[in-house]
Amino acid sequence: MPQYKVKVKWGKESYQVDVNTDERPELFKGQIFTLTGVLPERQKVMIKGITLKDDEWGNFKLKDNVTVLLMGSKEEDVPKEPVEKTVFVEDMNESELATVLDLPAGLNNLGNTCYMNATVQCLKTVPELREALQTYQEVVTVPGGLMPAQSITAALKDLYTMMDKGRTVPPIVLLQVLHMAFPRFSEKNDQGLFAQQDANEFWTELVRMLQQKLPLKSIETSSSQQNFKSLIDQYFGGAFDVELKCDEAPDEPVTKSKEQFLQLSCFMSMEVRYMHSGLKSKMQEQITKKSLSLDRDAVYTKTSKISRLPAYLTIQFVRFFYKEKGAINAKVLRDVKFPIEYDAYELCTPELQEKLTPVRSKFKELEDALVENPAAKEKKSKGDGKTSEETRYAPYWFEDDVGSNNSGYYTLQAVLTHKGRSSSSGHYVGWIRIAGNKWVKCDDDTVTPVTEEEILKLSGGGDWHCAYVLLYGPRLLEIQDVTEKMQTD
């Protein structure tokens, strides 16, 4: 693997950069962008009079310690036209439209990296994750050996920081540390481009890296008694109470245990038409294991009930299965409906259901009040979906368990979809809620507004985008102020 340490000289500044000429030159330009702020399209990279192209190295010969000259200005350093011409919405390009409509930043596709872009966009909808990354102090380390969890966490922090500036960003550094930490993600196809990867595999690995580095979040008013090690366990982690009963030996004692989860799986058998039934089907299943009382393998019924609901519930639709003919992960195209508002109450243990009841009753009271006062409901529906200073919300967690869900009610906030016939081909897209009922489609660097009706059409059933991973957040209970309550009464 031809790797070189070169010096990039830009005006009075100099930077040491590690370059791998097996990768496309645009990745090198992306590294320069992260160091200097000069966008790749504004860069003129030269060595001995030879200019580097975007798609091939050609005669641009590198060696260790060679000096590479960079010419180009940062976007903010370029003088702007003093008088701004009026541009109508119908005449705007996608970038201008995104700015006017306050849409989130897109991410450049660096060669079949849509699986990474879609995942990054979906996870960015979790405010507690963004806050934790903002205070993360460590940096990307490569010289002397990569520290995978630290480097991936730091790279994601830097990427979110650049995205918050509202312009399309090439996720170069995150891709590079991902390839170094997990070489399977750097495999190439017959055309020499990065091969397509399974988005849920990347989602799982990314969350696992964050789990190792992001500390717990503490809240002063809370008396949390849970023994979590990470913010990921705190806000994304749930728990099952599991019972194993031997079907062939009724007198054998029931075995009880606990299991942790960061994702729930929705299995897609022929009978499953709705997400809730797909989740329930996994809660009771038959397995074969050795019975100590019978001294042989026997059939057991495994029953799982949720004993802890996380604030953010990740649900994977198990759409892919290994097909020996062709040796591919073939796709299940079945149409399985999912709701915008989800109630997980039925999946919980009786003890947790009892704990959920008080807050669920408050939701019911608020809904009844809105039914009795249509004017208040109409006023609420006309809002722009953004949290105003007057709107206050009750805590969505139990007082002794920060990061939990205290009602069982969830609201869909992100959908990762796949379009194609196998997990190693096709295209991944992120669909995210930005405020109220406003959604956007994040198709790499193209970000466009979509309706809630379009989100519900992602349930599958054909070659259109099919929901693969869903991210639900806690449904928030609005606290009505005294004046509003008096008017309601």
Protein backbone atom coordinates (compact mmCIF):
# COMPACT_ATOMS: atom_id res chain seq x y z
CA MET A 1 0.00 0.00 0.00
CA PRO A 2 1.90 3.15 -1.21
CA GLN A 3 1.73 5.65 1.67
CA TYR A 4 3.72 8.84 1.93
CA LYS A 5 4.21 11.64 4.45
CA VAL A 6 4.17 14.93 2.52
CA LYS A 7 4.27 18.62 3.45
CA VAL A 8 1.43 20.76 2.08
CA LYS A 9 2.45 24.43 1.82
CA TRP A 10 -0.39 26.98 1.66
CA GLY A 11 0.81 30.56 1.80
CA LYS A 12 2.70 30.93 5.09
CA GLU A 13 1.15 27.76 6.53
CA SER A 14 2.55 24.22 6.30
CA TYR A 15 0.83 20.94 7.14
CA GLN A 16 2.05 17.34 7.44
CA VAL A 17 -0.32 14.95 5.64
CA ASP A 18 -0.34 11.15 5.27
CA VAL A 19 -1.30 10.19 1.70
CA ASN A 20 -2.36 6.80 0.33
CA THR A 21 -2.13 6.77 -3.47
CA ASP A 22 -4.29 3.65 -3.66
CA GLU A 23 -7.19 5.95 -2.84
CA ARG A 24 -8.64 8.54 -5.21
CA PRO A 25 -7.00 12.00 -5.25
CA GLU A 26 -10.27 13.58 -4.08
CA LEU A 27 -9.71 11.91 -0.69
CA PHE A 28 -6.35 13.70 -0.42
CA LYS A 29 -8.10 16.96 -1.31
CA GLY A 30 -10.64 16.19 1.39
CA GLN A 31 -7.80 15.91 3.94
CA ILE A 32 -6.51 19.29 2.80
CA PHE A 33 -10.02 20.74 3.18
CA THR A 34 -10.25 19.60 6.82
CA LEU A 35 -6.88 21.26 7.58
CA THR A 36 -7.24 24.52 5.63
CA GLY A 37 -10.96 25.08 5.05
CA VAL A 38 -10.33 25.40 1.28
CA LEU A 39 -13.11 23.51 -0.51
CA PRO A 40 -11.88 20.77 -2.92
CA GLU A 41 -13.36 22.56 -5.93
CA ARG A 42 -11.31 25.70 -5.02
CA GLN A 43 -8.04 23.78 -4.61
CA LYS A 44 -5.17 23.80 -7.10
CA VAL A 45 -2.65 21.23 -5.83
CA MET A 46 0.74 21.31 -7.59
CA ILE A 47 4.12 19.64 -7.48
CA LYS A 48 6.92 20.78 -9.80
CA GLY A 49 4.40 22.44 -12.15
CA ILE A 50 2.13 19.38 -12.39
CA THR A 51 -1.48 19.88 -11.22
CA LEU A 52 -3.29 17.08 -9.37
CA LYS A 53 -6.53 15.88 -11.00
CA ASP A 54 -9.64 14.72 -9.10
CA ASP A 55 -9.89 11.22 -10.55
CA GLU A 56 -6.29 10.03 -11.12
CA TRP A 57 -2.74 10.61 -9.87
CA GLY A 58 -1.20 10.46 -13.38
CA ASN A 59 2.24 12.14 -13.43
CA PHE A 60 1.71 13.58 -9.96
CA LYS A 61 4.56 11.62 -8.33
CA LEU A 62 4.82 11.62 -4.53
CA LYS A 63 7.59 10.59 -2.18
CA ASP A 64 8.23 11.01 1.53
CA ASN A 65 8.83 14.61 2.73
CA VAL A 66 8.11 16.14 -0.69
CA THR A 67 6.56 19.64 -0.60
CA VAL A 68 3.17 20.02 -2.28
CA LEU A 69 1.94 23.53 -3.15
CA LEU A 70 -1.68 24.46 -2.48
CA MET A 71 -3.33 27.43 -4.16
CA GLY A 72 -6.87 28.51 -3.31
CA SER A 73 -8.90 30.59 -0.88
CA LYS A 74 -11.41 29.67 1.78
CA GLU A 75 -14.97 30.45 0.80
CA GLU A 76 -15.29 33.17 3.45
CA ASP A 77 -12.10 34.86 2.15
CA VAL A 78 -13.45 35.30 -1.37
CA PRO A 79 -14.93 38.79 -1.95
CA LYS A 80 -18.67 38.75 -2.49
CA GLU A 81 -20.66 40.76 -4.97
CA PRO A 82 -21.83 43.92 -3.16
CA VAL A 83 -25.39 43.87 -4.50
CA GLU A 84 -27.30 40.61 -4.13
CA LYS A 85 -29.68 39.92 -6.96
CA THR A 86 -33.21 38.75 -6.22
CA VAL A 87 -33.63 35.04 -6.85
CA PHE A 88 -37.06 33.42 -6.95
CA VAL A 89 -37.63 30.04 -5.27
CA GLU A 90 -38.49 28.33 -8.56
CA ASP A 91 -35.12 29.50 -10.00
CA MET A 92 -33.02 28.25 -7.07
CA ASN A 93 -30.80 25.20 -7.23
CA GLU A 94 -30.92 22.54 -4.50
CA SER A 95 -28.16 24.19 -2.43
CA GLU A 96 -29.88 27.60 -2.48
CA LEU A 97 -33.23 26.01 -1.67
CA ALA A 98 -31.71 24.21 1.32
CA THR A 99 -30.40 27.52 2.68
CA VAL A 100 -33.71 29.35 2.29
CA LEU A 101 -35.74 26.51 3.81
CA ASP A 102 -33.20 26.03 6.63
CA LEU A 103 -32.52 22.42 5.58
CA PRO A 104 -29.71 20.36 7.14
CA ALA A 105 -26.39 19.94 5.36
CA GLY A 106 -25.86 17.09 2.91
CA LEU A 107 -22.89 14.72 2.69
CA ASN A 108 -20.85 13.97 -0.44
CA ASN A 109 -20.83 10.39 -1.66
CA LEU A 110 -17.18 9.31 -1.78
CA GLY A 111 -17.87 6.16 -3.79
CA ASN A 112 -20.68 3.92 -2.51
CA THR A 113 -20.61 5.59 0.92
CA CYS A 114 -24.36 6.26 1.04
CA TYR A 115 -24.65 3.64 3.82
CA MET A 116 -22.44 5.86 6.01
CA ASN A 117 -24.11 9.14 5.01
CA ALA A 118 -27.62 7.87 5.76
CA THR A 119 -26.58 6.55 9.19
CA VAL A 120 -24.80 9.78 10.13
CA GLN A 121 -27.88 11.84 9.21
CA CYS A 122 -30.26 9.61 11.22
CA LEU A 123 -28.15 9.62 14.40
CA LYS A 124 -27.74 13.40 14.20
CA THR A 125 -31.45 13.71 15.13
CA VAL A 126 -30.61 12.70 18.75
CA PRO A 127 -29.92 15.96 20.68
CA GLU A 128 -28.29 14.21 23.64
CA LEU A 129 -25.80 12.54 21.29
CA ARG A 130 -24.95 15.84 19.61
CA GLU A 131 -24.46 17.52 23.01
CA ALA A 132 -22.16 14.73 24.22
CA LEU A 133 -20.05 14.96 21.06
CA GLN A 134 -19.73 18.74 21.41
CA THR A 135 -18.00 18.32 24.79
CA TYR A 136 -15.82 15.40 23.67
CA GLN A 137 -12.19 16.49 24.08
CA GLU A 138 -10.09 13.81 22.38
CA VAL A 139 -8.94 14.00 18.75
CA VAL A 140 -8.34 11.72 15.76
CA THR A 141 -5.05 9.84 16.14
CA VAL A 142 -3.27 8.01 13.34
CA PRO A 143 0.54 8.39 13.79
CA GLY A 144 1.84 5.69 16.13
CA GLY A 145 -1.24 3.52 15.75
CA LEU A 146 -4.96 4.16 15.39
CA MET A 147 -7.20 4.24 18.46
CA PRO A 148 -10.46 3.16 16.76
CA ALA A 149 -13.12 4.25 19.28
CA GLN A 150 -11.41 7.57 20.02
CA SER A 151 -10.72 8.43 16.38
CA ILE A 152 -14.19 7.50 15.11
CA THR A 153 -15.88 9.46 17.93
CA ALA A 154 -13.67 12.51 17.31
CA ALA A 155 -14.21 12.28 13.53
CA LEU A 156 -17.99 12.17 14.00
CA LYS A 157 -17.80 15.19 16.31
CA ASP A 158 -15.82 17.18 13.72
CA LEU A 159 -18.20 16.10 10.94
CA TYR A 160 -21.29 17.25 12.87
CA THR A 161 -19.57 20.56 13.62
CA MET A 162 -18.96 21.15 9.90
CA MET A 163 -22.52 20.07 9.03
CA ASP A 164 -23.93 22.60 11.49
CA LYS A 165 -22.50 25.35 9.29
CA GLY A 166 -25.18 24.40 6.75
CA ARG A 167 -23.22 23.39 3.68
CA THR A 168 -22.51 20.06 2.00
CA VAL A 169 -19.54 18.30 3.59
CA PRO A 170 -17.24 15.51 2.31
CA PRO A 171 -16.97 13.02 5.25
CA ILE A 172 -13.35 12.21 4.40
CA VAL A 173 -11.84 11.78 7.85
CA LEU A 174 -14.66 9.62 9.22
CA LEU A 175 -14.37 7.36 6.16
CA GLN A 176 -10.60 7.04 6.52
CA VAL A 177 -10.62 6.13 10.22
CA LEU A 178 -13.51 3.73 9.54
CA HIS A 179 -11.43 1.96 6.88
CA MET A 180 -8.44 1.73 9.22
CA ALA A 181 -10.52 0.49 12.16
CA PHE A 182 -12.66 -1.94 10.12
CA PRO A 183 -10.83 -3.01 6.91
CA ARG A 184 -13.92 -4.84 5.61
CA PHE A 185 -15.54 -1.45 4.96
CA SER A 186 -12.64 -0.55 2.63
CA GLU A 187 -13.16 -3.46 0.25
CA LYS A 188 -13.33 -2.48 -3.42
CA ASN A 189 -15.48 -3.74 -6.28
CA ASP A 190 -14.47 -4.77 -9.80
CA GLN A 191 -14.43 -1.12 -10.91
CA GLY A 192 -11.88 -0.20 -8.24
CA LEU A 193 -14.43 1.81 -6.22
CA PHE A 194 -15.36 1.21 -2.61
CA ALA A 195 -17.84 -1.65 -2.41
CA GLN A 196 -21.36 -1.05 -1.07
CA GLN A 197 -21.78 -2.04 2.59
CA ASP A 198 -24.67 -3.00 4.87
CA ALA A 199 -25.92 0.20 6.55
CA ASN A 200 -27.10 -1.60 9.69
CA GLU A 201 -23.66 -3.20 10.13
CA PHE A 202 -22.11 0.28 10.00
CA TRP A 203 -24.81 1.65 12.36
CA THR A 204 -24.02 -1.12 14.85
CA GLU A 205 -20.23 -0.60 14.69
CA LEU A 206 -20.53 3.19 14.95
CA VAL A 207 -22.78 2.98 18.02
CA ARG A 208 -20.41 0.43 19.57
CA MET A 209 -17.48 2.85 19.14
CA LEU A 210 -19.48 5.72 20.67
CA GLN A 211 -20.48 3.39 23.51
CA GLN A 212 -16.83 3.07 24.52
CA LYS A 213 -16.05 6.81 24.59
CA LEU A 214 -19.11 8.90 25.50
CA PRO A 215 -19.61 9.21 29.29
CA LEU A 216 -22.90 9.18 31.17
CA LYS A 217 -25.09 12.25 31.18
CA SER A 218 -26.07 13.39 34.65
CA ILE A 219 -28.96 15.70 35.53
CA GLU A 220 -28.92 17.63 38.80
CA THR A 221 -32.61 17.17 39.55
CA SER A 222 -32.42 13.41 39.01
CA SER A 223 -31.54 10.70 41.53
CA SER A 224 -30.49 8.14 38.92
CA GLN A 225 -29.64 4.76 40.42
CA GLN A 226 -28.82 2.90 37.21
CA ASN A 227 -25.34 1.48 36.72
CA PHE A 228 -24.59 2.48 33.14
CA LYS A 229 -21.09 2.99 31.78
CA SER A 230 -21.93 5.06 28.71
CA LEU A 231 -24.37 7.60 27.30
CA ILE A 232 -25.22 5.03 24.61
CA ASP A 233 -26.33 2.47 27.21
CA GLN A 234 -28.21 5.25 28.99
CA TYR A 235 -30.22 6.59 26.02
CA PHE A 236 -30.22 3.70 23.50
CA GLY A 237 -29.99 0.63 25.73
CA GLY A 238 -32.95 -1.45 26.82
CA ALA A 239 -33.33 -4.63 28.87
CA PHE A 240 -35.37 -7.84 28.63
CA ASP A 241 -36.60 -10.10 31.40
CA VAL A 242 -36.24 -13.57 29.87
CA GLU A 243 -37.89 -16.83 30.93
CA LEU A 244 -36.98 -20.29 29.58
CA LYS A 245 -39.52 -23.09 30.14
CA CYS A 246 -38.96 -26.66 29.00
CA ASP A 247 -41.93 -27.85 26.93
CA GLU A 248 -40.99 -31.51 27.39
CA ALA A 249 -40.43 -31.41 31.16
CA PRO A 250 -43.20 -29.39 32.88
CA ASP A 251 -41.69 -29.99 36.34
CA GLU A 252 -38.34 -28.49 35.39
CA PRO A 253 -37.95 -25.05 37.08
CA VAL A 254 -38.30 -22.00 34.85
CA THR A 255 -34.96 -20.30 34.20
CA LYS A 256 -34.99 -16.51 34.53
CA SER A 257 -32.35 -14.08 33.24
CA LYS A 258 -31.81 -10.56 31.89
CA GLU A 259 -30.60 -9.53 28.44
CA GLN A 260 -29.51 -6.10 27.18
CA PHE A 261 -30.26 -4.66 23.73
CA LEU A 262 -29.40 -1.61 21.62
CA GLN A 263 -31.76 -2.62 18.80
CA LEU A 264 -35.02 -4.49 18.44
CA SER A 265 -35.53 -6.76 15.43
CA CYS A 266 -38.74 -6.86 13.40
CA PHE A 267 -38.87 -10.26 11.71
CA MET A 268 -40.72 -10.38 8.41
CA SER A 269 -42.47 -13.73 8.12
CA MET A 270 -45.37 -14.25 5.71
CA GLU A 271 -47.91 -13.42 8.44
CA VAL A 272 -46.30 -10.10 9.46
CA ARG A 273 -47.97 -7.02 8.01
CA TYR A 274 -47.29 -4.52 10.80
CA MET A 275 -44.13 -3.62 12.70
CA HIS A 276 -45.71 -4.31 16.11
CA SER A 277 -46.61 -7.91 15.20
CA GLY A 278 -43.10 -8.44 13.81
CA LEU A 279 -41.64 -7.31 17.14
CA LYS A 280 -44.07 -9.44 19.17
CA SER A 281 -43.25 -12.58 17.16
CA LYS A 282 -39.67 -12.42 18.45
CA MET A 283 -40.83 -12.00 22.08
CA GLN A 284 -41.95 -15.62 22.28
CA GLU A 285 -40.07 -18.27 20.34
CA GLN A 286 -39.09 -21.91 20.58
CA ILE A 287 -35.44 -22.92 20.87
CA THR A 288 -33.60 -26.21 21.35
CA LYS A 289 -31.08 -26.62 24.16
CA LYS A 290 -29.83 -29.31 26.48
CA SER A 291 -32.13 -30.10 29.38
CA LEU A 292 -30.36 -31.00 32.63
CA SER A 293 -33.39 -32.89 33.93
CA LEU A 294 -33.79 -34.96 30.76
CA ASP A 295 -30.03 -35.14 30.00
CA ARG A 296 -30.70 -34.50 26.29
CA ASP A 297 -31.63 -31.73 23.89
CA ALA A 298 -35.20 -30.54 24.38
CA VAL A 299 -37.55 -27.83 23.10
CA TYR A 300 -37.87 -24.71 25.27
CA THR A 301 -40.20 -21.73 25.01
CA LYS A 302 -38.28 -18.49 25.40
CA THR A 303 -40.42 -15.55 26.52
CA SER A 304 -38.96 -12.02 26.58
CA LYS A 305 -40.54 -8.90 28.05
CA ILE A 306 -38.99 -5.43 28.09
CA SER A 307 -38.06 -4.35 31.62
CA ARG A 308 -36.39 -1.09 30.58
CA LEU A 309 -37.38 1.13 27.66
CA PRO A 310 -34.65 3.46 26.34
CA ALA A 311 -35.37 7.06 25.36
CA TYR A 312 -34.39 6.25 21.76
CA LEU A 313 -35.66 2.97 20.34
CA THR A 314 -33.83 1.57 17.31
CA ILE A 315 -35.74 -1.01 15.28
CA GLN A 316 -34.17 -3.02 12.46
CA PHE A 317 -36.42 -4.54 9.81
CA VAL A 318 -34.77 -7.90 9.08
CA ARG A 319 -35.01 -7.49 5.31
CA PHE A 320 -31.95 -9.48 4.21
CA PHE A 321 -31.20 -13.20 4.23
CA TYR A 322 -28.26 -15.14 2.83
CA LYS A 323 -29.00 -16.77 -0.51
CA GLU A 324 -26.59 -19.56 -1.40
CA LYS A 325 -27.40 -19.23 -5.09
CA GLY A 326 -25.35 -16.20 -6.00
CA ALA A 327 -23.90 -15.94 -2.47
CA ILE A 328 -25.65 -12.66 -1.70
CA ASN A 329 -27.78 -11.17 1.06
CA ALA A 330 -31.09 -11.19 -0.79
CA LYS A 331 -33.82 -8.73 0.18
CA VAL A 332 -37.32 -9.28 1.54
CA LEU A 333 -39.46 -6.69 -0.25
CA ARG A 334 -42.58 -7.35 1.85
CA ASP A 335 -44.74 -4.36 2.78
CA VAL A 336 -44.65 -4.02 6.59
CA LYS A 337 -46.42 -0.93 7.92
CA PHE A 338 -44.90 1.18 10.68
CA PRO A 339 -46.53 4.03 12.65
CA ILE A 340 -45.41 7.61 13.19
CA GLU A 341 -46.50 7.34 16.85
CA TYR A 342 -45.63 4.01 18.47
CA ASP A 343 -46.79 2.54 21.80
CA ALA A 344 -44.45 -0.12 23.24
CA TYR A 345 -46.60 -0.76 26.34
CA GLU A 346 -47.72 -4.25 25.26
CA LEU A 347 -44.10 -5.46 24.95
CA CYS A 348 -43.25 -4.61 28.58
CA THR A 349 -43.23 -6.58 31.82
CA PRO A 350 -46.22 -6.07 34.17
CA GLU A 351 -43.91 -4.24 36.61
CA LEU A 352 -42.78 -1.76 33.95
CA GLN A 353 -46.36 -1.33 32.68
CA GLU A 354 -47.37 -0.28 36.18
CA LYS A 355 -44.55 2.30 36.31
CA LEU A 356 -45.58 3.69 32.88
CA THR A 357 -49.22 4.25 33.90
CA PRO A 358 -48.97 7.67 35.69
CA VAL A 359 -47.40 9.51 32.72
CA ARG A 360 -49.67 7.71 30.24
CA SER A 361 -52.63 9.04 32.25
CA LYS A 362 -51.28 12.58 31.88
CA PHE A 363 -51.07 12.13 28.11
CA LYS A 364 -54.69 10.97 28.14
CA GLU A 365 -55.74 14.04 30.17
CA LEU A 366 -54.00 16.36 27.70
CA GLU A 367 -55.63 14.64 24.71
CA ASP A 368 -59.06 14.86 26.37
CA ALA A 369 -58.51 18.57 27.04
CA LEU A 370 -57.66 19.15 23.37
CA VAL A 371 -60.79 17.28 22.28
CA GLU A 372 -62.95 19.43 24.58
CA ASN A 373 -61.25 22.62 23.40
CA PRO A 374 -60.96 22.44 19.58
CA ALA A 375 -59.60 26.00 19.43
CA ALA A 376 -56.55 25.00 21.44
CA LYS A 377 -56.05 21.97 19.23
CA GLU A 378 -56.28 24.11 16.08
CA LYS A 379 -53.79 26.60 17.54
CA LYS A 380 -51.43 23.74 18.35
CA SER A 381 -51.71 22.26 14.85
CA LYS A 382 -50.94 25.61 13.20
CA GLY A 383 -47.62 25.92 14.99
CA ASP A 384 -44.37 25.60 13.03
CA GLY A 385 -43.31 22.62 15.09
CA LYS A 386 -40.42 24.43 16.76
CA THR A 387 -40.16 24.59 20.51
CA SER A 388 -41.02 28.12 21.56
CA GLU A 389 -39.93 29.75 24.81
CA GLU A 390 -43.45 29.34 26.23
CA THR A 391 -43.67 25.63 25.46
CA ARG A 392 -42.35 23.45 28.25
CA TYR A 393 -42.16 19.67 28.40
CA ALA A 394 -42.20 17.24 31.29
CA PRO A 395 -39.19 14.91 31.71
CA TYR A 396 -39.57 11.85 29.51
CA TRP A 397 -37.43 9.66 31.84
CA PHE A 398 -37.99 8.10 35.25
CA GLU A 399 -36.49 10.17 38.06
CA ASP A 400 -34.21 7.30 39.09
CA ASP A 401 -33.27 6.38 35.49
CA VAL A 402 -32.08 9.23 33.24
CA GLY A 403 -32.24 8.22 29.56
CA SER A 404 -35.24 5.90 29.96
CA ASN A 405 -38.78 6.30 28.59
CA ASN A 406 -41.43 6.78 31.30
CA SER A 407 -44.57 6.48 29.14
CA GLY A 408 -43.97 3.81 26.49
CA TYR A 409 -44.95 6.36 23.83
CA TYR A 410 -42.56 7.07 20.97
CA THR A 411 -42.45 9.40 17.96
CA LEU A 412 -40.66 8.43 14.75
CA GLN A 413 -37.76 10.78 14.04
CA ALA A 414 -35.60 9.02 11.43
CA VAL A 415 -35.87 6.26 8.82
CA LEU A 416 -32.95 4.67 6.98
CA THR A 417 -34.08 3.06 3.73
CA HIS A 418 -32.59 0.77 1.11
CA LYS A 419 -33.44 0.67 -2.57
CA GLY A 420 -32.26 -2.41 -4.47
CA ARG A 421 -32.22 -6.19 -4.23
CA SER A 422 -29.28 -6.97 -1.88
CA SER A 423 -27.54 -5.32 1.08
CA SER A 424 -24.24 -5.15 -0.84
CA SER A 425 -25.75 -3.21 -3.75
CA GLY A 426 -28.43 -0.60 -4.31
CA HIS A 427 -28.68 2.71 -2.49
CA TYR A 428 -29.26 3.91 1.10
CA VAL A 429 -31.05 7.15 2.04
CA GLY A 430 -31.80 8.86 5.37
CA TRP A 431 -35.20 10.47 6.01
CA ILE A 432 -35.24 12.70 9.10
CA ARG A 433 -37.73 14.82 11.02
CA ILE A 434 -36.39 18.37 11.43
CA ALA A 435 -39.31 20.01 13.29
CA GLY A 436 -42.94 19.20 14.05
CA ASN A 437 -44.30 17.36 11.02
CA LYS A 438 -41.54 18.63 8.72
CA TRP A 439 -39.36 15.91 7.19
CA VAL A 440 -36.45 15.94 4.76
CA LYS A 441 -34.93 13.32 2.51
CA CYS A 442 -31.12 13.17 2.85
CA ASP A 443 -29.90 11.52 -0.35
CA ASP A 444 -26.15 12.07 0.05
CA ASP A 445 -25.55 15.73 -0.91
CA THR A 446 -29.16 16.29 -2.03
CA VAL A 447 -31.49 17.34 0.80
CA THR A 448 -35.15 17.96 -0.09
CA PRO A 449 -38.37 18.48 1.91
CA VAL A 450 -40.85 15.57 2.02
CA THR A 451 -44.25 15.05 3.62
CA GLU A 452 -45.24 12.69 6.42
CA GLU A 453 -47.35 10.78 3.87
CA GLU A 454 -44.19 10.09 1.85
CA ILE A 455 -42.51 8.71 5.00
CA LEU A 456 -45.35 6.22 5.53
CA LYS A 457 -44.91 5.01 1.93
CA LEU A 458 -41.45 3.68 2.83
CA SER A 459 -42.97 0.48 4.25
CA GLY A 460 -41.85 -1.67 1.29
CA GLY A 461 -43.70 -3.84 -1.18
CA GLY A 462 -41.68 -3.07 -4.32
CA ASP A 463 -38.46 -1.64 -5.72
CA TRP A 464 -39.04 1.78 -4.07
CA HIS A 465 -37.11 2.78 -0.96
CA CYS A 466 -37.88 0.28 1.83
CA ALA A 467 -37.52 1.02 5.55
CA TYR A 468 -34.49 -0.84 6.97
CA VAL A 469 -33.72 0.90 10.29
CA LEU A 470 -36.17 3.08 12.23
CA LEU A 471 -35.23 5.45 15.04
CA TYR A 472 -37.98 6.42 17.49
CA GLY A 473 -37.55 9.16 20.09
CA PRO A 474 -39.58 9.83 23.25
CA ARG A 475 -42.98 11.42 22.78
CA LEU A 476 -42.89 14.67 24.77
CA LEU A 477 -45.61 15.64 27.23
CA GLU A 478 -46.37 19.34 26.97
CA ILE A 479 -46.86 21.18 30.25
CA GLN A 480 -49.75 23.61 29.92
CA ASP A 481 -49.27 26.95 31.63
CA VAL A 482 -51.81 28.22 34.16
CA THR A 483 -53.48 30.69 31.76
CA GLU A 484 -53.98 28.07 29.07
CA LYS A 485 -55.34 25.58 31.61
CA MET A 486 -57.85 28.16 32.92
CA GLN A 487 -59.01 28.89 29.37
CA THR A 488 -59.40 25.15 28.77
CA ASP A 489 -61.42 24.73 31.97
